[in-house]
Amino acid sequence: MRTSTAPAGAASAMLLVGTSTAVSATIADYPVFTGQALRYALAAAILLAVAGHRRLPRVRLTARDIGLLIALAATGLAGFNVFLVEATRHAGPAMIAAVVGAVPLVLALVGPLLERRRPAPRSVGAAIVVALGTAVAAGLGSGSVKGLLLSLGALAGEVAFSLLAVPLLPRLGPLRVAAYPAALSVPMLLAAGLTLDGTASLRLPTPGQAAAFAYLGAIVTAAAFFLWYDALRRLGADRAGLFAGLVPVGALLTTVALGLGHAGPADVTGALLVAAGVAVGMGPRQPRPGVHEPA
């Protein structure tokens, strides 16, 4: 993916992730952590098969690489899901969405600092608009203090999903960075399911549920993760992070398309704010230093 097409890749990735909301409603009665483990296992298998087909050059993983990959799997994938599921027991979906919707702002502030540069005022301002749009679309909501803290844990996991990948991408490339943590998260999620739900978490999905997991694994995870990480290494965390605000837009579009709901004034206002923030943040700026591009 060329840098000029990276915004389209980032937007596509986040819109695809947004479609998971409607699909996940069809598997609501299936054990959550086992379902996520199935999803990530399928995604890892697809991504590793693609990497093998493309015959990528072999890369020796260093101890630092392994540590970052494990941390990414534990926080950005397994940890995010644990916090998100637990948060739903103590806070409404709107409050959780509003908190996690701050991802663009956090990435706009922290991403540049990790690259030893100042946060760009344009990116920070745009991220505030995107976060506001997400909050408006979500309706802010209400919940307990515990729900807020758990939502903040989910936010941290979502931020780690991108920031921990940044130092890995130049050497490993987006295919490996998407595949390895997905595979590593499977035993973590199975362990979480057994710990929190016992042996009831281990059962086979119905054909309908299996179809939903196939979509989540192949499209929402394998395809979207690759598109996201490819865009992330080209745009930088601050600019790519703006597109995280499109997740609720993708959820809204899918809900309306499937006839499961309608777009209200808050939804439209929030979507317009997100679009405005992304447009401002993606305005012209000096090109980033040369980017090494592994496949």
Protein backbone atom coordinates (compact mmCIF):
# COMPACT_ATOMS: atom_id res chain seq x y z
CA MET A 1 0.00 0.00 0.00
CA ARG A 2 1.47 3.35 -1.03
CA THR A 3 1.44 6.25 1.42
CA SER A 4 -1.13 8.02 -0.78
CA THR A 5 -3.57 5.13 -0.30
CA ALA A 6 -2.84 4.63 3.40
CA PRO A 7 -5.77 6.84 4.54
CA ALA A 8 -8.16 4.67 2.52
CA GLY A 9 -6.66 1.57 4.14
CA ALA A 10 -7.01 3.01 7.64
CA ALA A 11 -10.59 4.10 6.98
CA SER A 12 -11.49 0.69 5.54
CA ALA A 13 -9.96 -1.07 8.52
CA MET A 14 -11.91 0.93 11.09
CA LEU A 15 -15.18 0.75 9.17
CA LEU A 16 -14.77 -3.04 8.98
CA VAL A 17 -14.12 -3.19 12.72
CA GLY A 18 -17.31 -1.19 13.20
CA THR A 19 -19.33 -3.86 11.38
CA SER A 20 -18.46 -6.30 14.16
CA THR A 21 -21.08 -4.70 16.44
CA ALA A 22 -24.04 -5.97 14.45
CA VAL A 23 -22.41 -9.35 13.75
CA SER A 24 -21.49 -9.82 17.41
CA ALA A 25 -25.17 -9.45 18.32
CA THR A 26 -25.79 -12.79 16.59
CA ILE A 27 -23.33 -14.58 18.91
CA ALA A 28 -24.31 -12.85 22.14
CA ASP A 29 -25.23 -16.15 23.82
CA TYR A 30 -21.90 -17.84 22.97
CA PRO A 31 -19.06 -17.75 25.57
CA VAL A 32 -17.31 -14.46 24.84
CA PHE A 33 -13.68 -15.38 25.44
CA THR A 34 -13.90 -18.71 23.63
CA GLY A 35 -15.51 -16.90 20.71
CA GLN A 36 -12.70 -14.34 20.60
CA ALA A 37 -10.16 -17.16 20.75
CA LEU A 38 -11.83 -18.81 17.74
CA ARG A 39 -11.85 -15.51 15.89
CA TYR A 40 -8.16 -14.80 16.48
CA ALA A 41 -7.14 -18.39 15.74
CA LEU A 42 -8.81 -18.21 12.33
CA ALA A 43 -7.29 -14.80 11.63
CA ALA A 44 -3.80 -16.01 12.57
CA ALA A 45 -4.17 -19.06 10.33
CA ILE A 46 -5.22 -16.87 7.38
CA LEU A 47 -2.47 -14.29 7.90
CA LEU A 48 0.25 -16.92 8.34
CA ALA A 49 -0.96 -18.73 5.21
CA VAL A 50 -0.77 -15.47 3.23
CA ALA A 51 2.69 -14.76 4.61
CA GLY A 52 3.81 -18.26 3.61
CA HIS A 53 2.32 -17.87 0.14
CA ARG A 54 4.15 -14.57 -0.36
CA ARG A 55 7.41 -16.20 0.79
CA LEU A 56 8.45 -13.31 2.95
CA PRO A 57 12.14 -13.16 3.84
CA ARG A 58 12.90 -14.88 7.13
CA VAL A 59 13.31 -12.57 10.09
CA ARG A 60 14.97 -13.67 13.32
CA LEU A 61 12.90 -12.48 16.26
CA THR A 62 14.93 -10.76 18.96
CA ALA A 63 14.10 -10.93 22.65
CA ARG A 64 12.71 -7.40 22.33
CA ASP A 65 10.49 -8.43 19.42
CA ILE A 66 9.12 -11.40 21.36
CA GLY A 67 8.47 -9.27 24.42
CA LEU A 68 6.60 -6.65 22.39
CA LEU A 69 4.54 -9.29 20.57
CA ILE A 70 3.52 -10.96 23.84
CA ALA A 71 2.70 -7.57 25.38
CA LEU A 72 0.65 -6.64 22.31
CA ALA A 73 -1.30 -9.91 22.46
CA ALA A 74 -1.84 -9.58 26.22
CA THR A 75 -2.98 -5.95 26.19
CA GLY A 76 -4.23 -5.00 22.74
CA LEU A 77 -6.11 -8.25 22.10
CA ALA A 78 -6.74 -10.44 25.17
CA GLY A 79 -6.63 -7.63 27.73
CA PHE A 80 -8.84 -5.34 25.67
CA ASN A 81 -11.50 -8.04 25.40
CA VAL A 82 -11.39 -8.87 29.12
CA PHE A 83 -11.76 -5.21 30.12
CA LEU A 84 -14.47 -4.60 27.53
CA VAL A 85 -16.55 -7.60 28.60
CA GLU A 86 -16.22 -6.78 32.29
CA ALA A 87 -17.04 -3.11 31.62
CA THR A 88 -20.38 -4.08 30.04
CA ARG A 89 -21.40 -5.51 33.42
CA HIS A 90 -20.92 -2.17 35.19
CA ALA A 91 -21.56 0.49 32.53
CA GLY A 92 -23.81 1.09 29.55
CA PRO A 93 -22.57 0.68 25.97
CA ALA A 94 -22.74 4.44 25.42
CA MET A 95 -20.38 5.23 28.28
CA ILE A 96 -17.92 2.55 27.18
CA ALA A 97 -17.99 3.79 23.59
CA ALA A 98 -17.42 7.36 24.73
CA VAL A 99 -14.37 6.40 26.82
CA VAL A 100 -12.82 4.11 24.19
CA GLY A 101 -13.59 6.81 21.64
CA ALA A 102 -10.75 8.85 23.15
CA VAL A 103 -8.26 6.60 21.30
CA PRO A 104 -7.54 9.20 18.58
CA LEU A 105 -6.67 11.84 21.17
CA VAL A 106 -4.36 9.54 23.14
CA LEU A 107 -2.57 8.41 19.97
CA ALA A 108 -2.23 12.02 18.79
CA LEU A 109 -0.51 12.93 22.05
CA VAL A 110 1.51 9.81 22.87
CA GLY A 111 2.39 8.52 19.39
CA PRO A 112 4.66 11.45 18.45
CA LEU A 113 6.36 11.39 21.86
CA LEU A 114 7.39 7.78 21.30
CA GLU A 115 8.92 8.89 17.99
CA ARG A 116 10.73 11.70 19.82
CA ARG A 117 8.84 14.51 18.18
CA ARG A 118 6.29 17.03 19.38
CA PRO A 119 2.60 16.32 18.94
CA ALA A 120 1.34 18.29 15.94
CA PRO A 121 -1.27 20.89 16.98
CA ARG A 122 -3.31 20.03 13.87
CA SER A 123 -3.40 16.33 14.78
CA VAL A 124 -4.27 17.02 18.43
CA GLY A 125 -7.03 19.46 17.49
CA ALA A 126 -8.42 17.04 14.90
CA ALA A 127 -8.30 14.20 17.42
CA ILE A 128 -10.32 16.26 19.92
CA VAL A 129 -12.99 16.81 17.26
CA VAL A 130 -13.01 13.09 16.40
CA ALA A 131 -13.26 12.10 20.09
CA LEU A 132 -16.09 14.60 20.57
CA GLY A 133 -17.90 13.17 17.56
CA THR A 134 -17.57 9.66 18.95
CA ALA A 135 -18.91 10.81 22.32
CA VAL A 136 -21.87 12.57 20.71
CA ALA A 137 -22.72 9.51 18.63
CA ALA A 138 -22.44 7.31 21.71
CA GLY A 139 -24.55 9.65 23.82
CA LEU A 140 -21.94 9.68 26.62
CA GLY A 141 -24.10 7.40 28.77
CA SER A 142 -23.79 6.53 32.43
CA GLY A 143 -22.31 3.88 34.66
CA SER A 144 -20.52 3.18 37.91
CA VAL A 145 -16.99 4.19 38.90
CA LYS A 146 -15.95 0.57 38.41
CA GLY A 147 -17.46 0.65 34.95
CA LEU A 148 -15.48 3.80 34.16
CA LEU A 149 -12.22 2.24 35.36
CA LEU A 150 -12.84 -0.91 33.33
CA SER A 151 -13.64 1.24 30.30
CA LEU A 152 -10.33 3.05 30.81
CA GLY A 153 -8.66 -0.37 30.85
CA ALA A 154 -10.26 -1.12 27.48
CA LEU A 155 -9.04 2.26 26.22
CA ALA A 156 -5.51 1.41 27.33
CA GLY A 157 -5.72 -1.92 25.51
CA GLU A 158 -6.93 -0.23 22.33
CA VAL A 159 -4.07 2.29 22.50
CA ALA A 160 -1.53 -0.48 23.14
CA PHE A 161 -2.84 -2.31 20.06
CA SER A 162 -1.33 0.46 17.94
CA LEU A 163 1.56 1.86 19.97
CA LEU A 164 3.18 -1.51 20.73
CA ALA A 165 3.06 -2.34 17.03
CA VAL A 166 4.94 0.80 15.93
CA PRO A 167 8.46 -0.43 16.81
CA LEU A 168 7.72 -3.88 15.33
CA LEU A 169 6.44 -2.79 11.92
CA PRO A 170 9.73 -1.67 10.32
CA ARG A 171 11.34 -5.11 10.79
CA LEU A 172 8.41 -7.51 10.72
CA GLY A 173 5.91 -5.80 8.42
CA PRO A 174 2.12 -5.65 8.83
CA LEU A 175 1.42 -9.31 7.99
CA ARG A 176 3.58 -10.69 10.78
CA VAL A 177 2.58 -7.99 13.27
CA ALA A 178 -1.07 -8.83 12.63
CA ALA A 179 -0.57 -12.61 12.69
CA TYR A 180 1.77 -13.27 15.62
CA PRO A 181 -0.17 -11.46 18.39
CA ALA A 182 -3.43 -12.97 17.11
CA ALA A 183 -1.94 -16.45 17.54
CA LEU A 184 -0.44 -15.58 20.94
CA SER A 185 -3.75 -14.24 22.24
CA VAL A 186 -5.61 -17.53 21.69
CA PRO A 187 -4.31 -19.39 24.79
CA MET A 188 -4.66 -16.18 26.83
CA LEU A 189 -8.33 -15.85 25.93
CA LEU A 190 -9.05 -19.53 26.51
CA ALA A 191 -7.45 -19.22 29.95
CA ALA A 192 -9.55 -16.11 30.68
CA GLY A 193 -12.69 -17.98 29.65
CA LEU A 194 -11.91 -20.94 31.89
CA THR A 195 -11.06 -18.65 34.81
CA LEU A 196 -14.13 -16.44 34.56
CA ASP A 197 -16.74 -18.82 33.12
CA GLY A 198 -15.43 -22.30 33.92
CA THR A 199 -15.90 -25.29 31.64
CA ALA A 200 -19.14 -23.73 30.33
CA SER A 201 -16.88 -21.61 28.11
CA LEU A 202 -15.88 -24.69 26.11
CA ARG A 203 -18.53 -25.68 23.59
CA LEU A 204 -18.88 -25.89 19.85
CA PRO A 205 -20.66 -23.04 18.01
CA THR A 206 -23.82 -23.63 16.00
CA PRO A 207 -23.59 -23.30 12.19
CA GLY A 208 -24.92 -19.73 12.41
CA GLN A 209 -22.43 -18.80 15.10
CA ALA A 210 -19.62 -20.44 13.14
CA ALA A 211 -20.52 -18.26 10.14
CA ALA A 212 -20.37 -15.15 12.32
CA PHE A 213 -16.96 -16.16 13.69
CA ALA A 214 -15.75 -16.82 10.15
CA TYR A 215 -16.67 -13.25 9.20
CA LEU A 216 -15.12 -11.81 12.35
CA GLY A 217 -11.93 -13.81 11.87
CA ALA A 218 -11.43 -13.37 8.13
CA ILE A 219 -12.73 -9.83 7.57
CA VAL A 220 -12.86 -7.92 10.86
CA THR A 221 -9.57 -9.37 12.12
CA ALA A 222 -7.30 -10.70 9.36
CA ALA A 223 -8.16 -8.11 6.67
CA ALA A 224 -8.77 -5.14 8.97
CA PHE A 225 -5.68 -5.75 11.13
CA PHE A 226 -3.44 -5.97 8.08
CA LEU A 227 -4.92 -2.78 6.57
CA TRP A 228 -4.58 -0.97 9.90
CA TYR A 229 -0.98 -1.92 10.55
CA ASP A 230 0.03 -1.14 6.98
CA ALA A 231 -1.53 2.32 7.31
CA LEU A 232 -0.07 2.79 10.78
CA ARG A 233 3.54 2.41 9.63
CA ARG A 234 2.99 4.90 6.79
CA LEU A 235 0.89 7.57 8.49
CA GLY A 236 2.23 7.44 12.03
CA ALA A 237 0.15 6.74 15.13
CA ASP A 238 -1.17 10.30 15.46
CA ARG A 239 -2.65 10.58 11.98
CA ALA A 240 -3.73 6.96 11.64
CA GLY A 241 -5.39 7.19 15.05
CA LEU A 242 -7.90 9.71 13.72
CA PHE A 243 -9.54 6.93 11.73
CA ALA A 244 -10.36 5.02 14.93
CA GLY A 245 -13.28 7.43 15.20
CA LEU A 246 -14.86 5.69 12.22
CA VAL A 247 -15.61 2.53 14.23
CA PRO A 248 -18.99 3.77 15.50
CA VAL A 249 -19.75 5.07 11.98
CA GLY A 250 -19.16 1.57 10.62
CA ALA A 251 -21.39 0.15 13.35
CA LEU A 252 -24.15 2.65 12.49
CA LEU A 253 -23.97 1.96 8.75
CA THR A 254 -24.13 -1.79 9.32
CA THR A 255 -27.04 -1.50 11.74
CA VAL A 256 -29.02 0.64 9.30
CA ALA A 257 -28.12 -1.58 6.31
CA LEU A 258 -29.35 -4.69 8.14
CA GLY A 259 -32.54 -2.97 9.24
CA LEU A 260 -31.65 -3.30 12.92
CA GLY A 261 -31.99 0.40 13.71
CA HIS A 262 -32.03 3.91 12.28
CA ALA A 263 -29.75 6.93 12.30
CA GLY A 264 -30.86 9.59 14.78
CA PRO A 265 -29.72 13.23 15.02
CA ALA A 266 -26.93 12.36 17.49
CA ASP A 267 -25.64 9.62 15.17
CA VAL A 268 -25.53 11.95 12.18
CA THR A 269 -23.98 14.81 14.18
CA GLY A 270 -21.34 12.50 15.62
CA ALA A 271 -20.49 11.05 12.21
CA LEU A 272 -20.13 14.54 10.72
CA LEU A 273 -17.82 15.61 13.56
CA VAL A 274 -15.69 12.51 13.04
CA ALA A 275 -15.48 13.18 9.31
CA ALA A 276 -14.54 16.82 9.93
CA GLY A 277 -11.84 15.83 12.42
CA VAL A 278 -10.33 13.29 10.03
CA ALA A 279 -10.37 15.82 7.17
CA VAL A 280 -8.59 18.43 9.28
CA GLY A 281 -6.04 15.97 10.64
CA MET A 282 -5.19 14.57 7.22
CA GLY A 283 -4.39 18.01 5.77
CA PRO A 284 -1.01 18.48 4.08
CA ARG A 285 2.10 18.21 6.20
CA GLN A 286 5.75 17.48 5.51
CA PRO A 287 6.38 13.87 4.48
CA ARG A 288 7.68 11.54 7.14
CA PRO A 289 11.30 10.35 6.88
CA GLY A 290 11.91 7.39 4.58
CA VAL A 291 9.91 4.36 5.62
CA HIS A 292 11.32 0.85 5.27
CA GLU A 293 8.64 -1.28 3.68
CA PRO A 294 8.73 -5.00 4.41
CA ALA A 295 5.90 -6.92 2.79
